[in-house]
Amino acid sequence: MRGNRLVSWLVGGLNFQIEHHLFPTLCHLNYPAFANIVEDTCREYGVPYTASPSFRAAVASHYRWLKHMGAASTK
């Protein structure tokens, strides 16, 4: 939910995890502007940049990732 300013404010920018980890001292209010730059740069260098369109999609994606990682460790 990168486009929702209310959600960004409520969660303190946690919907911009990539930018948060790249620029930990940057105020979360600037994350949306940096997200576009980071996403374009990732695309330019062929680095995957994943953003979920909604909270539900983010939770579902996280669940699938945890399930995948859990299955990988049992082999």
Protein backbone atom coordinates (compact mmCIF):
# COMPACT_ATOMS: atom_id res chain seq x y z
CA MET A 1 0.00 0.00 0.00
CA ARG A 2 2.69 2.43 -1.01
CA GLY A 3 0.19 4.90 -2.44
CA ASN A 4 -1.83 5.32 0.75
CA ARG A 5 -0.48 8.28 2.73
CA LEU A 6 -2.63 7.50 5.78
CA VAL A 7 -1.31 3.95 6.01
CA SER A 8 2.26 5.22 5.55
CA TRP A 9 1.77 7.65 8.41
CA LEU A 10 0.04 5.09 10.66
CA VAL A 11 2.74 2.45 10.24
CA GLY A 12 5.62 4.92 10.22
CA GLY A 13 6.76 4.00 6.73
CA LEU A 14 6.89 0.24 7.31
CA ASN A 15 5.23 -0.18 3.92
CA PHE A 16 8.55 1.01 2.45
CA GLN A 17 10.84 -1.68 3.89
CA ILE A 18 13.42 -1.50 1.09
CA GLU A 19 13.86 2.24 1.46
CA HIS A 20 13.91 1.95 5.25
CA HIS A 21 16.81 -0.52 5.11
CA LEU A 22 18.71 1.40 2.44
CA PHE A 23 18.28 4.78 4.15
CA PRO A 24 17.71 4.11 7.88
CA THR A 25 18.25 7.72 8.94
CA LEU A 26 15.88 9.18 6.35
CA CYS A 27 12.54 10.49 7.65
CA HIS A 28 9.76 8.09 6.64
CA LEU A 29 7.84 10.96 5.06
CA ASN A 30 10.44 10.98 2.27
CA TYR A 31 10.18 7.24 1.50
CA PRO A 32 7.59 7.59 -1.30
CA ALA A 33 9.85 9.89 -3.34
CA PHE A 34 12.86 7.62 -2.78
CA ALA A 35 10.82 4.51 -3.61
CA ASN A 36 10.36 5.66 -7.20
CA ILE A 37 14.10 6.27 -7.58
CA VAL A 38 15.01 2.94 -5.97
CA GLU A 39 12.47 1.04 -8.08
CA ASP A 40 13.74 2.64 -11.31
CA THR A 41 17.35 1.89 -10.36
CA CYS A 42 16.49 -1.74 -9.56
CA ARG A 43 14.75 -2.08 -12.92
CA GLU A 44 17.79 -0.55 -14.69
CA TYR A 45 20.16 -3.09 -13.11
CA GLY A 46 17.82 -6.09 -13.26
CA VAL A 47 17.31 -6.30 -9.49
CA PRO A 48 13.86 -7.48 -8.38
CA TYR A 49 11.78 -4.88 -6.54
CA THR A 50 8.63 -6.29 -5.00
CA ALA A 51 5.77 -4.17 -3.70
CA SER A 52 2.36 -5.50 -2.68
CA PRO A 53 -0.71 -3.54 -3.79
CA SER A 54 -2.63 -4.10 -0.54
CA PHE A 55 -2.25 -5.22 3.06
CA ARG A 56 -3.98 -8.49 2.25
CA ALA A 57 -1.64 -9.15 -0.69
CA ALA A 58 1.38 -8.35 1.51
CA VAL A 59 0.28 -10.80 4.22
CA ALA A 60 -0.45 -13.49 1.62
CA SER A 61 2.95 -12.95 0.00
CA HIS A 62 4.67 -13.14 3.39
CA TYR A 63 2.83 -16.37 4.22
CA ARG A 64 3.85 -17.95 0.89
CA TRP A 65 7.47 -16.91 1.46
CA LEU A 66 7.53 -18.40 4.97
CA LYS A 67 5.96 -21.61 3.67
CA HIS A 68 8.55 -21.77 0.88
CA MET A 69 11.43 -21.15 3.26
CA GLY A 70 10.10 -23.72 5.73
CA ALA A 71 9.81 -26.34 3.00
CA ALA A 72 13.34 -25.63 1.78
CA SER A 73 14.83 -26.37 5.20
CA THR A 74 13.18 -29.80 5.48
CA LYS A 75 14.97 -31.21 2.41
